[in-house]
C-alpha cells in the first residue's frame, strides 16, 4: 500500500484530527457573533427595567416569574429549552446584574450592554483556561464557566448594586 491510497483507518484518523474541539474562547467569540444575528435581545447591564419586557416577548414559550426582595426585584425568565435568565433590578429601575444558565450562549452583546466592548478587549488576550473566564475590570465583573453541557454566566456592575445586596445574592 502506498501513502496515496486512502484506507478506512486513514480516513478515520484524518477526520478525528480535523474535528478537534475549538478552544472555549473561540467558541464564545463565534457564538456571540452568530447570536447577535439570530437571538432575542435581553436587558443589558445598566439599562432600565423597561428593557426586560422585550426579553419576555422575544423568548417564545417563556415563563416569567418576578420575585421582590428587600433591595431589588429578580426577573426570572425560563425558556422551553431549559435556559434560565435572571435579571436583577434595583428599585431605581436599573438592571445591575444578569445571570444565565443554558446549553447555548445568549447574546452577550445585549446582556452586557455598554460593557460589551470592555469584554471584547479582555477576551482578545490569550487565556490558558478554556472553561473558566473571570473578568474584574473596575465597575464591571463577569464570570463565565463552561461545563460539559451548559454555560453559566454571571455579570454585574458593583457600583449599581443596591445597598445591602451582596454578590452571594446573585445565584
Protein backbone atom coordinates (compact mmCIF):
# COMPACT_ATOMS: atom_id res chain seq x y z
CA UNK A 1 0.00 0.00 0.00
CA UNK A 2 1.35 3.46 -0.90
CA UNK A 3 0.89 6.66 1.05
CA UNK A 4 -1.57 7.99 -1.53
CA UNK A 5 -4.02 5.15 -1.15
CA UNK A 6 -6.64 6.01 1.44
CA UNK A 7 -7.81 3.33 3.78
CA UNK A 8 -10.66 3.25 6.19
CA UNK A 9 -8.26 3.74 9.12
CA UNK A 10 -6.54 6.71 7.47
CA UNK A 11 -9.86 8.40 6.81
CA UNK A 12 -10.89 7.97 10.40
CA UNK A 13 -7.56 9.30 11.61
CA UNK A 14 -7.78 12.35 9.32
CA UNK A 15 -11.36 13.04 10.36
CA UNK A 16 -10.51 12.86 14.04
CA UNK A 17 -7.69 15.36 13.55
CA UNK A 18 -9.91 17.79 11.71
CA UNK A 19 -12.63 17.62 14.36
CA UNK A 20 -10.52 18.68 17.32
CA UNK A 21 -12.53 20.80 19.72
CA UNK A 22 -12.25 24.55 19.34
CA UNK A 23 -10.87 26.42 22.26
CA UNK A 24 -13.55 27.81 24.53
CA UNK A 25 -12.85 31.48 23.88
CA UNK A 26 -13.09 30.87 20.15
CA UNK A 27 -16.48 29.27 20.71
CA UNK A 28 -17.57 32.23 22.83
CA UNK A 29 -16.49 34.69 20.14
CA UNK A 30 -18.13 32.73 17.33
CA UNK A 31 -21.32 32.17 19.31
CA UNK A 32 -21.54 35.81 20.32
CA UNK A 33 -21.19 36.88 16.72
CA UNK A 34 -23.77 34.43 15.43
CA UNK A 35 -26.18 35.06 18.28
CA UNK A 36 -26.23 38.80 17.57
CA UNK A 37 -27.79 37.96 14.25
CA UNK A 38 -30.37 35.40 15.34
CA UNK A 39 -31.10 35.57 19.05
CA UNK A 40 -33.52 37.69 21.02
CA UNK A 41 -32.39 40.76 22.91
CA UNK A 42 -32.09 40.87 26.69
CA UNK A 43 -31.80 43.69 29.14
CA UNK A 44 -28.23 44.86 29.36
CA UNK A 45 -26.32 45.90 32.42
CA UNK A 46 -27.14 49.47 33.33
CA UNK A 47 -30.31 49.59 31.23
CA UNK A 48 -33.76 50.43 32.53
CA UNK A 49 -36.23 47.80 33.69
CA UNK A 50 -38.45 48.52 30.68
CA UNK A 51 -35.93 46.66 28.50
CA UNK A 52 -36.89 43.41 30.27
CA UNK A 53 -40.29 43.41 28.55
CA UNK A 54 -38.62 42.75 25.19
CA UNK A 55 -36.92 39.68 26.70
CA UNK A 56 -40.21 38.20 27.72
CA UNK A 57 -41.78 38.95 24.34
CA UNK A 58 -38.93 37.53 22.24
CA UNK A 59 -38.43 34.19 24.00
CA UNK A 60 -41.23 32.03 22.63
CA UNK A 61 -42.98 29.99 25.27
CA UNK A 62 -41.01 31.59 28.08
CA UNK A 63 -42.33 31.66 31.59
CA UNK A 64 -41.60 34.69 33.73
CA UNK A 65 -41.54 34.99 37.47
CA UNK A 66 -40.84 38.22 39.35
CA UNK A 67 -39.73 37.93 42.97
CA UNK A 68 -39.47 41.04 45.15
CA UNK A 69 -36.55 41.18 47.55
CA UNK A 70 -35.74 43.85 50.11
CA UNK A 71 -33.34 45.77 47.84
CA UNK A 72 -34.17 44.57 44.32
CA UNK A 73 -36.56 42.60 42.12
CA UNK A 74 -35.50 39.35 40.46
CA UNK A 75 -36.98 38.73 37.00
CA UNK A 76 -36.52 35.03 36.16
CA UNK A 77 -37.15 34.10 32.53
CA UNK A 78 -37.23 30.39 31.70
CA UNK A 79 -37.21 29.18 28.11
CA UNK A 80 -38.86 25.95 26.95
CA UNK A 81 -35.36 24.55 26.30
CA UNK A 82 -34.47 24.93 29.97
CA UNK A 83 -32.32 28.06 29.74
CA UNK A 84 -32.58 30.39 32.73
CA UNK A 85 -32.06 34.14 32.53
CA UNK A 86 -32.14 36.09 35.81
CA UNK A 87 -32.18 39.87 35.68
CA UNK A 88 -31.67 41.80 38.90
CA UNK A 89 -33.34 45.19 39.00
CA UNK A 90 -32.71 47.81 41.69
CA UNK A 91 -35.68 49.80 43.00
CA UNK A 92 -34.33 52.69 40.89
CA UNK A 93 -35.28 50.62 37.82
CA UNK A 94 -31.71 49.85 36.69
CA UNK A 95 -30.56 46.34 35.78
CA UNK A 96 -27.45 45.86 37.94
CA UNK A 97 -26.83 42.14 37.30
CA UNK A 98 -27.72 39.30 34.97
CA UNK A 99 -27.09 35.58 35.20
CA UNK A 100 -27.53 32.94 32.51
CA UNK A 101 -27.58 29.17 32.58
CA UNK A 102 -28.25 27.19 29.43
CA UNK A 103 -26.99 24.80 26.78
CA UNK A 104 -26.07 27.63 24.41
CA UNK A 105 -24.63 31.08 24.83
CA UNK A 106 -27.00 34.04 24.97
CA UNK A 107 -26.47 37.22 23.00
CA UNK A 108 -23.62 38.61 25.10
CA UNK A 109 -23.75 42.00 23.40
CA UNK A 110 -27.27 42.55 24.67
CA UNK A 111 -26.71 41.07 28.12
CA UNK A 112 -23.54 43.06 28.79
CA UNK A 113 -24.92 46.23 27.21
CA UNK A 114 -22.43 49.10 27.19
CA UNK A 115 -19.84 46.84 28.87
CA UNK A 116 -19.59 44.51 25.86
CA UNK A 117 -16.69 46.49 24.33
CA UNK A 118 -14.65 46.03 27.52
CA UNK A 119 -15.47 42.32 27.49
CA UNK A 120 -14.20 42.04 23.90
CA UNK A 121 -10.93 43.75 24.83
CA UNK A 122 -10.29 41.31 27.66
CA UNK A 123 -11.07 38.14 25.70
CA UNK A 124 -8.81 39.27 22.86
CA UNK A 125 -5.86 38.49 25.15
CA UNK A 126 -4.94 34.75 25.13
CA UNK A 127 -6.10 32.79 28.19
CA UNK A 128 -4.90 29.44 29.47
CA UNK A 129 -8.17 28.09 30.86
CA UNK A 130 -10.76 27.42 28.18
CA UNK A 131 -13.57 26.53 30.60
CA UNK A 132 -13.47 29.43 33.05
CA UNK A 133 -13.20 33.14 32.37
CA UNK A 134 -13.25 35.73 35.16
CA UNK A 135 -13.10 39.43 34.39
CA UNK A 136 -12.87 42.14 37.02
CA UNK A 137 -12.40 45.50 35.35
CA UNK A 138 -13.25 48.41 37.63
CA UNK A 139 -17.03 48.60 37.86
CA UNK A 140 -17.64 45.58 35.63
CA UNK A 141 -17.43 41.91 36.70
CA UNK A 142 -18.12 38.83 34.58
CA UNK A 143 -17.69 35.18 35.45
CA UNK A 144 -18.18 32.56 32.73
CA UNK A 145 -17.99 28.84 33.22
CA UNK A 146 -18.45 26.16 30.60
CA UNK A 147 -19.33 22.69 31.79
CA UNK A 148 -19.77 19.67 29.60
CA UNK A 149 -23.36 20.56 28.72
CA UNK A 150 -24.00 24.13 29.90
CA UNK A 151 -22.78 27.67 30.03
CA UNK A 152 -23.06 29.62 33.28
CA UNK A 153 -22.60 33.38 33.16
CA UNK A 154 -22.87 36.00 35.89
CA UNK A 155 -22.28 39.68 35.12
CA UNK A 156 -22.78 42.65 37.41
CA UNK A 157 -21.82 46.26 37.99
CA UNK A 158 -20.81 46.73 41.66
CA UNK A 159 -21.47 50.50 41.60
CA UNK A 160 -25.11 49.86 40.59
CA UNK A 161 -25.77 47.20 43.24
CA UNK A 162 -28.22 48.44 45.88
CA UNK A 163 -27.02 48.86 49.46
CA UNK A 164 -27.45 45.60 51.36
CA UNK A 165 -27.06 43.42 48.25
CA UNK A 166 -24.08 41.09 48.04
CA UNK A 167 -22.56 39.02 45.27
CA UNK A 168 -23.84 35.92 47.08
CA UNK A 169 -27.39 37.14 46.34
CA UNK A 170 -26.73 36.64 42.61
CA UNK A 171 -27.47 32.97 42.02
